[in-house]
Amino acid sequence: MRVLLQLPEGLKDKAFKLAERLEREGKEVVVSCSPCYGACDVALEEARRYGADKIIQYGHSAFKLRGGIPVEFIEYRTPVKFKKLLSRALKELKDFRKVGLVTTVQHIGQLESIKQFLKGRGKRAYIGKHGSRARYNGQILGCDWGSIKSIEKEVDCFLYFGGGVFHPLGGALATEKPFLAVDPFTGNVRWMGEERRKELRRRKGALLAAIEARRFGVVCSTKPGQFNFKKALAIKKMLEAEGKDAQILICNELNYESLNNFLEVDCFVNTACPRIVEDYARLRKPILDAEEINKVSGNSHTL
């Protein structure tokens, strides 16, 4: 059996060990060295050119895809010590009694223990029902905030346990409730309020700039879990019906330097991962999410 092995950036240092394990099982293995941004980003083209019978993506929970080549998702869990760090976080939570808990698949197995830890210290902790793309209650993805939305009215604030800024920023943007990020790798405990305000100001500025825009580039990704050509085409037709110029810009790997070379474009519209718009600093022109374009066009229905 031919296998293409794919890993996200933070786990590529495990590629050789995993490949060797598969080879000992009698499989022929190649490793994708392309960037991998999530379970929605499966290396189908590399697998087709290689003639793979199967793709193994390591590090993410299962994601519904259509691609013709079977994909096996192998989750990666990192149990970490949390009591000392959460004791520090409790000082930040002194004015809040009801706390919503969220994390990534990497720490989902510890979420119930964290809930019990907080409960033993006088807090009421809640784990929300996941949305349609996530797999576990309490899990959040860059495109799935169901675990936040399902308990938003019941809690006073949210606590994210995990590494990085990507997920806690997205979580903070998904709710108006205070959002505390607890990072077990750096030891940082911080509220995401300022980051949320900064991003909301950026989005407001992009919307204001886009109102005057005449020429739009509608970005469409070919990544299996992000391909929204019908939506991109609908946005193009809607803009043209309002007297705007619009072209669909299709790509697999979004390159901001390349987008900057489209000097005629006044504003970009993103139909791929909704979090791409947060990389606005790398673009010379404003970029809107697909849902935000309705506010610019005055269109009353959701595309």
C-alpha atoms as a PDB file:
ATOM      1  CA  MET A   1       0.000   0.000   0.000  1.00  0.00           C
ATOM      2  CA  ARG A   2       1.215   3.477  -0.889  1.00  0.00           C
ATOM      3  CA  VAL A   3       0.693   6.041   1.874  1.00  0.00           C
ATOM      4  CA  LEU A   4       1.136   9.800   1.868  1.00  0.00           C
ATOM      5  CA  LEU A   5       1.859  11.039   5.389  1.00  0.00           C
ATOM      6  CA  GLN A   6       0.886  14.612   6.234  1.00  0.00           C
ATOM      7  CA  LEU A   7       1.627  16.560   9.412  1.00  0.00           C
ATOM      8  CA  PRO A   8       0.940  20.126  10.612  1.00  0.00           C
ATOM      9  CA  GLU A   9       3.892  22.450  11.115  1.00  0.00           C
ATOM     10  CA  GLY A  10       4.280  21.829  14.840  1.00  0.00           C
ATOM     11  CA  LEU A  11       4.511  18.052  14.379  1.00  0.00           C
ATOM     12  CA  LYS A  12       6.764  17.736  11.332  1.00  0.00           C
ATOM     13  CA  ASP A  13       9.646  16.830  13.645  1.00  0.00           C
ATOM     14  CA  LYS A  14       7.877  13.470  14.143  1.00  0.00           C
ATOM     15  CA  ALA A  15       7.673  12.673  10.423  1.00  0.00           C
ATOM     16  CA  PHE A  16      10.657  10.302  10.165  1.00  0.00           C
ATOM     17  CA  LYS A  17       9.662   8.246  13.190  1.00  0.00           C
ATOM     18  CA  LEU A  18       6.064   7.890  11.968  1.00  0.00           C
ATOM     19  CA  ALA A  19       7.153   7.082   8.406  1.00  0.00           C
ATOM     20  CA  GLU A  20       9.566   4.417   9.642  1.00  0.00           C
ATOM     21  CA  ARG A  21       6.799   2.834  11.717  1.00  0.00           C
ATOM     22  CA  LEU A  22       4.538   2.634   8.670  1.00  0.00           C
ATOM     23  CA  GLU A  23       7.360   1.202   6.546  1.00  0.00           C
ATOM     24  CA  ARG A  24       7.942  -1.548   9.097  1.00  0.00           C
ATOM     25  CA  GLU A  25       4.301  -2.483   8.528  1.00  0.00           C
ATOM     26  CA  GLY A  26       5.120  -3.030   4.858  1.00  0.00           C
ATOM     27  CA  LYS A  27       3.787   0.274   3.500  1.00  0.00           C
ATOM     28  CA  GLU A  28       5.507   2.495   0.954  1.00  0.00           C
ATOM     29  CA  VAL A  29       5.558   6.013   2.409  1.00  0.00           C
ATOM     30  CA  VAL A  30       6.215   9.541   1.236  1.00  0.00           C
ATOM     31  CA  VAL A  31       5.882  12.603   3.469  1.00  0.00           C
ATOM     32  CA  SER A  32       4.234  15.832   2.357  1.00  0.00           C
ATOM     33  CA  CYS A  33       6.441  18.842   3.063  1.00  0.00           C
ATOM     34  CA  SER A  34       3.742  21.348   2.071  1.00  0.00           C
ATOM     35  CA  PRO A  35       2.274  23.529   4.825  1.00  0.00           C
ATOM     36  CA  CYS A  36      -0.725  21.981   6.565  1.00  0.00           C
ATOM     37  CA  TYR A  37      -3.155  24.357   8.245  1.00  0.00           C
ATOM     38  CA  GLY A  38      -5.755  21.946   9.544  1.00  0.00           C
ATOM     39  CA  ALA A  39      -7.923  18.927   8.853  1.00  0.00           C
ATOM     40  CA  CYS A  40      -9.517  20.876   5.992  1.00  0.00           C
ATOM     41  CA  ASP A  41      -6.120  21.058   4.270  1.00  0.00           C
ATOM     42  CA  VAL A  42      -5.512  17.534   2.970  1.00  0.00           C
ATOM     43  CA  ALA A  43      -2.694  17.011   0.434  1.00  0.00           C
ATOM     44  CA  LEU A  44      -4.872  15.477  -2.260  1.00  0.00           C
ATOM     45  CA  GLU A  45      -2.870  16.710  -5.254  1.00  0.00           C
ATOM     46  CA  GLU A  46       0.414  15.325  -3.902  1.00  0.00           C
ATOM     47  CA  ALA A  47      -1.354  12.034  -3.123  1.00  0.00           C
ATOM     48  CA  ARG A  48      -2.767  11.785  -6.647  1.00  0.00           C
ATOM     49  CA  ARG A  49       0.576  12.478  -8.316  1.00  0.00           C
ATOM     50  CA  TYR A  50       2.264   9.925  -6.084  1.00  0.00           C
ATOM     51  CA  GLY A  51      -0.471   7.357  -6.682  1.00  0.00           C
ATOM     52  CA  ALA A  52      -1.277   6.992  -2.988  1.00  0.00           C
ATOM     53  CA  ASP A  53      -3.840   4.447  -1.885  1.00  0.00           C
ATOM     54  CA  LYS A  54      -4.363   6.361   1.336  1.00  0.00           C
ATOM     55  CA  ILE A  55      -3.565   9.658   3.075  1.00  0.00           C
ATOM     56  CA  ILE A  56      -2.726   9.667   6.764  1.00  0.00           C
ATOM     57  CA  GLN A  57      -3.029  13.100   8.338  1.00  0.00           C
ATOM     58  CA  TYR A  58      -1.502  13.187  11.778  1.00  0.00           C
ATOM     59  CA  GLY A  59      -2.519  15.628  14.496  1.00  0.00           C
ATOM     60  CA  HIS A  60      -6.138  16.508  13.706  1.00  0.00           C
ATOM     61  CA  SER A  61      -9.551  15.055  14.448  1.00  0.00           C
ATOM     62  CA  ALA A  62     -11.675  13.626  11.635  1.00  0.00           C
ATOM     63  CA  PHE A  63     -13.113  16.068   9.105  1.00  0.00           C
ATOM     64  CA  LYS A  64     -15.746  15.412   6.432  1.00  0.00           C
ATOM     65  CA  LEU A  65     -14.120  15.603   2.996  1.00  0.00           C
ATOM     66  CA  ARG A  66     -14.776  14.606  -0.584  1.00  0.00           C
ATOM     67  CA  GLY A  67     -11.672  13.766  -2.547  1.00  0.00           C
ATOM     68  CA  GLY A  68     -11.686  10.192  -3.843  1.00  0.00           C
ATOM     69  CA  ILE A  69      -8.632   9.072  -1.843  1.00  0.00           C
ATOM     70  CA  PRO A  70      -9.307   7.617   1.632  1.00  0.00           C
ATOM     71  CA  VAL A  71      -8.056   9.825   4.455  1.00  0.00           C
ATOM     72  CA  GLU A  72      -7.217   8.541   7.923  1.00  0.00           C
ATOM     73  CA  PHE A  73      -7.013  11.176  10.641  1.00  0.00           C
ATOM     74  CA  ILE A  74      -4.820  10.277  13.610  1.00  0.00           C
ATOM     75  CA  GLU A  75      -5.285  12.578  16.576  1.00  0.00           C
ATOM     76  CA  TYR A  76      -2.367  13.870  18.594  1.00  0.00           C
ATOM     77  CA  ARG A  77      -2.877  14.332  22.323  1.00  0.00           C
ATOM     78  CA  THR A  78      -0.506  16.144  24.675  1.00  0.00           C
ATOM     79  CA  PRO A  79      -1.382  15.595  28.342  1.00  0.00           C
ATOM     80  CA  VAL A  80       0.215  18.390  30.379  1.00  0.00           C
ATOM     81  CA  LYS A  81       0.285  19.361  34.028  1.00  0.00           C
ATOM     82  CA  PHE A  82      -2.279  22.071  34.590  1.00  0.00           C
ATOM     83  CA  LYS A  83      -2.999  22.507  38.318  1.00  0.00           C
ATOM     84  CA  LYS A  84      -0.271  25.052  39.039  1.00  0.00           C
ATOM     85  CA  LEU A  85      -1.093  27.075  35.944  1.00  0.00           C
ATOM     86  CA  LEU A  86      -4.838  27.004  36.579  1.00  0.00           C
ATOM     87  CA  SER A  87      -4.234  28.111  40.163  1.00  0.00           C
ATOM     88  CA  ARG A  88      -2.744  31.265  38.630  1.00  0.00           C
ATOM     89  CA  ALA A  89      -5.672  31.551  36.256  1.00  0.00           C
ATOM     90  CA  LEU A  90      -8.085  31.416  39.193  1.00  0.00           C
ATOM     91  CA  LYS A  91      -6.762  34.778  40.358  1.00  0.00           C
ATOM     92  CA  GLU A  92      -7.877  36.236  37.034  1.00  0.00           C
ATOM     93  CA  LEU A  93     -11.249  34.531  37.398  1.00  0.00           C
ATOM     94  CA  LYS A  94     -11.980  35.833  40.885  1.00  0.00           C
ATOM     95  CA  ASP A  95     -14.912  37.972  39.674  1.00  0.00           C
ATOM     96  CA  PHE A  96     -16.465  35.188  37.573  1.00  0.00           C
ATOM     97  CA  ARG A  97     -18.375  32.164  38.842  1.00  0.00           C
ATOM     98  CA  LYS A  98     -19.595  30.471  35.657  1.00  0.00           C
ATOM     99  CA  VAL A  99     -16.760  29.547  33.300  1.00  0.00           C
ATOM    100  CA  GLY A 100     -17.053  28.029  29.825  1.00  0.00           C
ATOM    101  CA  LEU A 101     -14.160  25.698  28.898  1.00  0.00           C
ATOM    102  CA  VAL A 102     -12.788  25.245  25.381  1.00  0.00           C
ATOM    103  CA  THR A 103      -9.666  23.727  23.878  1.00  0.00           C
ATOM    104  CA  THR A 104      -8.272  21.976  20.789  1.00  0.00           C
ATOM    105  CA  VAL A 105      -8.132  18.237  20.111  1.00  0.00           C
ATOM    106  CA  GLN A 106      -4.601  18.242  21.548  1.00  0.00           C
ATOM    107  CA  HIS A 107      -5.965  18.702  25.101  1.00  0.00           C
ATOM    108  CA  ILE A 108      -9.568  17.560  24.739  1.00  0.00           C
ATOM    109  CA  GLY A 109      -8.863  14.504  26.891  1.00  0.00           C
ATOM    110  CA  GLN A 110      -8.033  16.749  29.871  1.00  0.00           C
ATOM    111  CA  LEU A 111     -11.029  19.052  29.652  1.00  0.00           C
ATOM    112  CA  GLU A 112     -13.180  17.073  32.088  1.00  0.00           C
ATOM    113  CA  SER A 113     -10.327  17.014  34.629  1.00  0.00           C
ATOM    114  CA  ILE A 114      -9.931  20.779  34.272  1.00  0.00           C
ATOM    115  CA  LYS A 115     -13.677  21.144  34.822  1.00  0.00           C
ATOM    116  CA  GLN A 116     -13.482  19.145  38.038  1.00  0.00           C
ATOM    117  CA  PHE A 117     -10.424  21.118  39.201  1.00  0.00           C
ATOM    118  CA  LEU A 118     -12.326  24.391  38.829  1.00  0.00           C
ATOM    119  CA  LYS A 119     -15.437  22.930  40.415  1.00  0.00           C
ATOM    120  CA  GLY A 120     -13.400  21.950  43.475  1.00  0.00           C
ATOM    121  CA  ARG A 121     -12.394  25.609  43.828  1.00  0.00           C
ATOM    122  CA  GLY A 122     -15.838  27.109  43.759  1.00  0.00           C
ATOM    123  CA  LYS A 123     -16.375  27.620  40.048  1.00  0.00           C
ATOM    124  CA  ARG A 124     -19.186  26.277  37.879  1.00  0.00           C
ATOM    125  CA  ALA A 125     -17.492  25.064  34.713  1.00  0.00           C
ATOM    126  CA  TYR A 126     -19.355  24.307  31.491  1.00  0.00           C
ATOM    127  CA  ILE A 127     -18.345  22.328  28.400  1.00  0.00           C
ATOM    128  CA  GLY A 128     -20.427  23.220  25.377  1.00  0.00           C
ATOM    129  CA  LYS A 129     -21.822  21.106  22.551  1.00  0.00           C
ATOM    130  CA  HIS A 130     -19.540  21.103  19.516  1.00  0.00           C
ATOM    131  CA  GLY A 131     -20.641  22.389  16.112  1.00  0.00           C
ATOM    132  CA  SER A 132     -20.993  20.547  12.818  1.00  0.00           C
ATOM    133  CA  ARG A 133     -17.271  20.401  11.954  1.00  0.00           C
ATOM    134  CA  ALA A 134     -15.661  19.690  15.320  1.00  0.00           C
ATOM    135  CA  ARG A 135     -15.810  16.202  16.789  1.00  0.00           C
ATOM    136  CA  TYR A 136     -15.759  16.696  20.566  1.00  0.00           C
ATOM    137  CA  ASN A 137     -17.716  18.800  23.029  1.00  0.00           C
ATOM    138  CA  GLY A 138     -15.545  21.696  24.127  1.00  0.00           C
ATOM    139  CA  GLN A 139     -13.413  21.512  20.973  1.00  0.00           C
ATOM    140  CA  ILE A 140     -13.017  24.602  18.800  1.00  0.00           C
ATOM    141  CA  LEU A 141     -11.712  24.917  15.257  1.00  0.00           C
ATOM    142  CA  GLY A 142     -10.897  27.923  13.129  1.00  0.00           C
ATOM    143  CA  CYS A 143     -14.279  27.408  11.452  1.00  0.00           C
ATOM    144  CA  ASP A 144     -16.356  25.903  14.289  1.00  0.00           C
ATOM    145  CA  TRP A 145     -17.290  27.802  17.444  1.00  0.00           C
ATOM    146  CA  GLY A 146     -20.270  25.662  18.414  1.00  0.00           C
ATOM    147  CA  SER A 147     -18.710  24.795  21.771  1.00  0.00           C
ATOM    148  CA  ILE A 148     -18.760  28.511  22.577  1.00  0.00           C
ATOM    149  CA  LYS A 149     -22.120  29.441  21.103  1.00  0.00           C
ATOM    150  CA  SER A 150     -23.982  26.559  22.759  1.00  0.00           C
ATOM    151  CA  ILE A 151     -23.225  27.808  26.305  1.00  0.00           C
ATOM    152  CA  GLU A 152     -22.636  31.519  25.725  1.00  0.00           C
ATOM    153  CA  LYS A 153     -25.792  32.573  27.567  1.00  0.00           C
ATOM    154  CA  GLU A 154     -25.036  30.366  30.556  1.00  0.00           C
ATOM    155  CA  VAL A 155     -21.522  31.526  31.425  1.00  0.00           C
ATOM    156  CA  ASP A 156     -19.854  34.705  32.688  1.00  0.00           C
ATOM    157  CA  CYS A 157     -16.615  34.169  30.760  1.00  0.00           C
ATOM    158  CA  PHE A 158     -14.619  31.602  28.780  1.00  0.00           C
ATOM    159  CA  LEU A 159     -11.300  29.897  29.481  1.00  0.00           C
ATOM    160  CA  TYR A 160      -9.263  28.488  26.606  1.00  0.00           C
ATOM    161  CA  PHE A 161      -6.620  25.914  27.551  1.00  0.00           C
ATOM    162  CA  GLY A 162      -3.999  25.336  24.878  1.00  0.00           C
ATOM    163  CA  GLY A 163      -1.120  26.775  22.912  1.00  0.00           C
ATOM    164  CA  GLY A 164      -0.887  29.547  20.350  1.00  0.00           C
ATOM    165  CA  VAL A 165      -2.928  32.638  19.541  1.00  0.00           C
ATOM    166  CA  PHE A 166      -4.953  31.390  16.563  1.00  0.00           C
ATOM    167  CA  HIS A 167      -7.660  29.528  18.502  1.00  0.00           C
ATOM    168  CA  PRO A 168      -8.085  31.885  21.483  1.00  0.00           C
ATOM    169  CA  LEU A 169      -8.341  34.919  19.180  1.00  0.00           C
ATOM    170  CA  GLY A 170     -10.983  33.187  17.087  1.00  0.00           C
ATOM    171  CA  GLY A 171     -12.802  32.176  20.246  1.00  0.00           C
ATOM    172  CA  ALA A 172     -12.712  35.721  21.577  1.00  0.00           C
ATOM    173  CA  LEU A 173     -14.157  37.006  18.303  1.00  0.00           C
ATOM    174  CA  ALA A 174     -16.969  34.441  18.473  1.00  0.00           C
ATOM    175  CA  THR A 175     -18.356  35.890  21.713  1.00  0.00           C
ATOM    176  CA  GLU A 176     -18.673  39.165  23.555  1.00  0.00           C
ATOM    177  CA  LYS A 177     -17.954  37.479  26.888  1.00  0.00           C
ATOM    178  CA  PRO A 178     -14.527  37.932  28.549  1.00  0.00           C
ATOM    179  CA  PHE A 179     -12.086  35.362  27.147  1.00  0.00           C
ATOM    180  CA  LEU A 180      -9.062  34.095  29.105  1.00  0.00           C
ATOM    181  CA  ALA A 181      -6.274  32.197  27.297  1.00  0.00           C
ATOM    182  CA  VAL A 182      -4.164  29.794  29.371  1.00  0.00           C
ATOM    183  CA  ASP A 183      -1.115  28.467  27.513  1.00  0.00           C
ATOM    184  CA  PRO A 184       0.479  25.371  29.133  1.00  0.00           C
ATOM    185  CA  PHE A 185       3.573  25.635  26.901  1.00  0.00           C
ATOM    186  CA  THR A 186       4.561  29.249  27.596  1.00  0.00           C
ATOM    187  CA  GLY A 187       2.872  29.575  30.984  1.00  0.00           C
ATOM    188  CA  ASN A 188       1.067  32.722  29.807  1.00  0.00           C
ATOM    189  CA  VAL A 189      -2.319  33.623  31.269  1.00  0.00           C
ATOM    190  CA  ARG A 190      -3.940  36.564  29.512  1.00  0.00           C
ATOM    191  CA  TRP A 191      -7.273  38.083  28.641  1.00  0.00           C
ATOM    192  CA  MET A 192      -7.902  38.396  24.900  1.00  0.00           C
ATOM    193  CA  GLY A 193      -9.805  41.665  25.113  1.00  0.00           C
ATOM    194  CA  GLU A 194      -7.185  43.889  23.485  1.00  0.00           C
ATOM    195  CA  GLU A 195      -6.545  41.436  20.637  1.00  0.00           C
ATOM    196  CA  ARG A 196     -10.307  41.234  20.058  1.00  0.00           C
ATOM    197  CA  ARG A 197     -10.685  45.021  19.994  1.00  0.00           C
ATOM    198  CA  LYS A 198      -7.768  45.354  17.580  1.00  0.00           C
ATOM    199  CA  GLU A 199      -9.234  42.824  15.143  1.00  0.00           C
ATOM    200  CA  LEU A 200     -12.720  44.353  15.331  1.00  0.00           C
ATOM    201  CA  ARG A 201     -11.237  47.780  14.574  1.00  0.00           C
ATOM    202  CA  ARG A 202      -9.407  46.278  11.614  1.00  0.00           C
ATOM    203  CA  ARG A 203     -12.621  44.703  10.296  1.00  0.00           C
ATOM    204  CA  LYS A 204     -14.533  47.947  10.683  1.00  0.00           C
ATOM    205  CA  GLY A 205     -11.800  49.797   8.778  1.00  0.00           C
ATOM    206  CA  ALA A 206     -11.861  47.175   6.009  1.00  0.00           C
ATOM    207  CA  LEU A 207     -15.630  47.519   5.689  1.00  0.00           C
ATOM    208  CA  LEU A 208     -15.411  51.307   5.431  1.00  0.00           C
ATOM    209  CA  ALA A 209     -12.681  51.041   2.785  1.00  0.00           C
ATOM    210  CA  ALA A 210     -14.622  48.421   0.845  1.00  0.00           C
ATOM    211  CA  ILE A 211     -17.699  50.645   0.545  1.00  0.00           C
ATOM    212  CA  GLU A 212     -15.763  52.844  -1.901  1.00  0.00           C
ATOM    213  CA  ALA A 213     -14.203  49.890  -3.741  1.00  0.00           C
ATOM    214  CA  ARG A 214     -15.012  49.384  -7.429  1.00  0.00           C
ATOM    215  CA  ARG A 215     -12.937  46.312  -8.290  1.00  0.00           C
ATOM    216  CA  PHE A 216     -13.007  43.140  -6.198  1.00  0.00           C
ATOM    217  CA  GLY A 217     -10.878  40.004  -6.195  1.00  0.00           C
ATOM    218  CA  VAL A 218     -12.900  37.044  -4.886  1.00  0.00           C
ATOM    219  CA  VAL A 219     -10.424  34.508  -3.458  1.00  0.00           C
ATOM    220  CA  CYS A 220     -11.359  30.828  -3.839  1.00  0.00           C
ATOM    221  CA  SER A 221      -9.202  28.065  -2.361  1.00  0.00           C
ATOM    222  CA  THR A 222      -8.967  24.569  -3.860  1.00  0.00           C
ATOM    223  CA  LYS A 223      -8.150  22.981  -0.494  1.00  0.00           C
ATOM    224  CA  PRO A 224     -10.637  20.103  -0.023  1.00  0.00           C
ATOM    225  CA  GLY A 225     -12.268  21.468   3.123  1.00  0.00           C
ATOM    226  CA  GLN A 226     -12.273  25.093   1.984  1.00  0.00           C
ATOM    227  CA  PHE A 227     -13.425  24.914  -1.652  1.00  0.00           C
ATOM    228  CA  ASN A 228     -16.432  27.232  -2.000  1.00  0.00           C
ATOM    229  CA  PHE A 229     -16.613  27.960  -5.714  1.00  0.00           C
ATOM    230  CA  LYS A 230     -20.409  28.307  -5.747  1.00  0.00           C
ATOM    231  CA  LYS A 231     -20.194  30.961  -3.044  1.00  0.00           C
ATOM    232  CA  ALA A 232     -17.363  32.745  -4.871  1.00  0.00           C
ATOM    233  CA  LEU A 233     -19.419  32.751  -8.083  1.00  0.00           C
ATOM    234  CA  ALA A 234     -22.496  34.040  -6.246  1.00  0.00           C
ATOM    235  CA  ILE A 235     -20.463  36.899  -4.749  1.00  0.00           C
ATOM    236  CA  LYS A 236     -19.017  37.765  -8.165  1.00  0.00           C
ATOM    237  CA  LYS A 237     -22.500  37.915  -9.732  1.00  0.00           C
ATOM    238  CA  MET A 238     -23.885  39.938  -6.831  1.00  0.00           C
ATOM    239  CA  LEU A 239     -21.117  42.535  -7.098  1.00  0.00           C
ATOM    240  CA  GLU A 240     -21.467  42.754 -10.867  1.00  0.00           C
ATOM    241  CA  ALA A 241     -25.226  43.262 -10.515  1.00  0.00           C
ATOM    242  CA  GLU A 242     -24.401  46.328  -8.421  1.00  0.00           C
ATOM    243  CA  GLY A 243     -22.121  47.750 -11.078  1.00  0.00           C
ATOM    244  CA  LYS A 244     -18.835  46.551  -9.546  1.00  0.00           C
ATOM    245  CA  ASP A 245     -16.009  44.733 -11.297  1.00  0.00           C
ATOM    246  CA  ALA A 246     -15.188  41.312  -9.836  1.00  0.00           C
ATOM    247  CA  GLN A 247     -12.977  38.373 -10.740  1.00  0.00           C
ATOM    248  CA  ILE A 248     -12.542  35.017  -9.017  1.00  0.00           C
ATOM    249  CA  LEU A 249      -8.919  34.412  -7.979  1.00  0.00           C
ATOM    250  CA  ILE A 250      -8.369  30.679  -7.476  1.00  0.00           C
ATOM    251  CA  CYS A 251      -5.425  29.121  -5.676  1.00  0.00           C
ATOM    252  CA  ASN A 252      -4.365  26.243  -3.457  1.00  0.00           C
ATOM    253  CA  GLU A 253      -1.776  27.990  -1.301  1.00  0.00           C
ATOM    254  CA  LEU A 254      -2.755  31.594  -0.614  1.00  0.00           C
ATOM    255  CA  ASN A 255       0.256  33.828  -1.227  1.00  0.00           C
ATOM    256  CA  TYR A 256      -0.136  37.371   0.069  1.00  0.00           C
ATOM    257  CA  GLU A 257       2.781  38.698  -1.961  1.00  0.00           C
ATOM    258  CA  SER A 258       1.083  37.409  -5.104  1.00  0.00           C
ATOM    259  CA  LEU A 259      -2.228  39.011  -4.128  1.00  0.00           C
ATOM    260  CA  ASN A 260      -0.404  42.310  -3.632  1.00  0.00           C
ATOM    261  CA  ASN A 261       0.580  42.167  -7.301  1.00  0.00           C
ATOM    262  CA  PHE A 262      -3.067  42.538  -8.331  1.00  0.00           C
ATOM    263  CA  LEU A 263      -2.689  46.304  -8.283  1.00  0.00           C
ATOM    264  CA  GLU A 264      -6.080  46.914  -9.913  1.00  0.00           C
ATOM    265  CA  VAL A 265      -7.969  45.279  -7.034  1.00  0.00           C
ATOM    266  CA  ASP A 266      -9.499  47.672  -4.495  1.00  0.00           C
ATOM    267  CA  CYS A 267     -10.696  44.978  -2.096  1.00  0.00           C
ATOM    268  CA  PHE A 268     -10.395  41.207  -1.689  1.00  0.00           C
ATOM    269  CA  VAL A 269     -13.178  38.874  -0.568  1.00  0.00           C
ATOM    270  CA  ASN A 270     -12.205  35.594   1.075  1.00  0.00           C
ATOM    271  CA  THR A 271     -14.298  32.443   0.573  1.00  0.00           C
ATOM    272  CA  ALA A 272     -11.700  30.028   2.018  1.00  0.00           C
ATOM    273  CA  CYS A 273     -10.827  29.645   5.717  1.00  0.00           C
ATOM    274  CA  PRO A 274     -12.673  32.478   7.514  1.00  0.00           C
ATOM    275  CA  ARG A 275      -9.578  33.228   9.593  1.00  0.00           C
ATOM    276  CA  ILE A 276      -7.454  34.274   6.587  1.00  0.00           C
ATOM    277  CA  VAL A 277      -8.725  37.830   6.979  1.00  0.00           C
ATOM    278  CA  GLU A 278      -6.707  38.184  10.199  1.00  0.00           C
ATOM    279  CA  ASP A 279      -3.501  38.306   8.141  1.00  0.00           C
ATOM    280  CA  TYR A 280      -4.556  41.735   6.906  1.00  0.00           C
ATOM    281  CA  ALA A 281      -1.170  43.280   7.761  1.00  0.00           C
ATOM    282  CA  ARG A 282       0.384  41.340   4.887  1.00  0.00           C
ATOM    283  CA  LEU A 283      -2.003  42.828   2.318  1.00  0.00           C
ATOM    284  CA  ARG A 284      -1.918  46.322   0.850  1.00  0.00           C
ATOM    285  CA  LYS A 285      -5.671  46.265   0.199  1.00  0.00           C
ATOM    286  CA  PRO A 286      -8.550  45.444   2.568  1.00  0.00           C
ATOM    287  CA  ILE A 287      -9.846  41.884   2.734  1.00  0.00           C
ATOM    288  CA  LEU A 288     -13.347  40.890   3.810  1.00  0.00           C
ATOM    289  CA  ASP A 289     -14.788  37.567   4.852  1.00  0.00           C
ATOM    290  CA  ALA A 290     -17.504  36.150   2.611  1.00  0.00           C
ATOM    291  CA  GLU A 291     -20.197  37.007   5.155  1.00  0.00           C
ATOM    292  CA  GLU A 292     -19.017  40.610   5.515  1.00  0.00           C
ATOM    293  CA  ILE A 293     -19.497  41.426   1.839  1.00  0.00           C
ATOM    294  CA  ASN A 294     -23.263  41.617   2.442  1.00  0.00           C
ATOM    295  CA  LYS A 295     -22.693  44.677   4.641  1.00  0.00           C
ATOM    296  CA  VAL A 296     -20.818  46.400   1.828  1.00  0.00           C
ATOM    297  CA  SER A 297     -23.224  45.522  -0.949  1.00  0.00           C
ATOM    298  CA  GLY A 298     -26.371  46.277   0.981  1.00  0.00           C
ATOM    299  CA  ASN A 299     -27.566  42.821   0.049  1.00  0.00           C
ATOM    300  CA  SER A 300     -30.177  41.660   2.541  1.00  0.00           C
ATOM    301  CA  HIS A 301     -29.763  37.914   2.129  1.00  0.00           C
ATOM    302  CA  THR A 302     -26.865  35.739   3.198  1.00  0.00           C
ATOM    303  CA  LEU A 303     -24.838  34.190   0.401  1.00  0.00           C
END
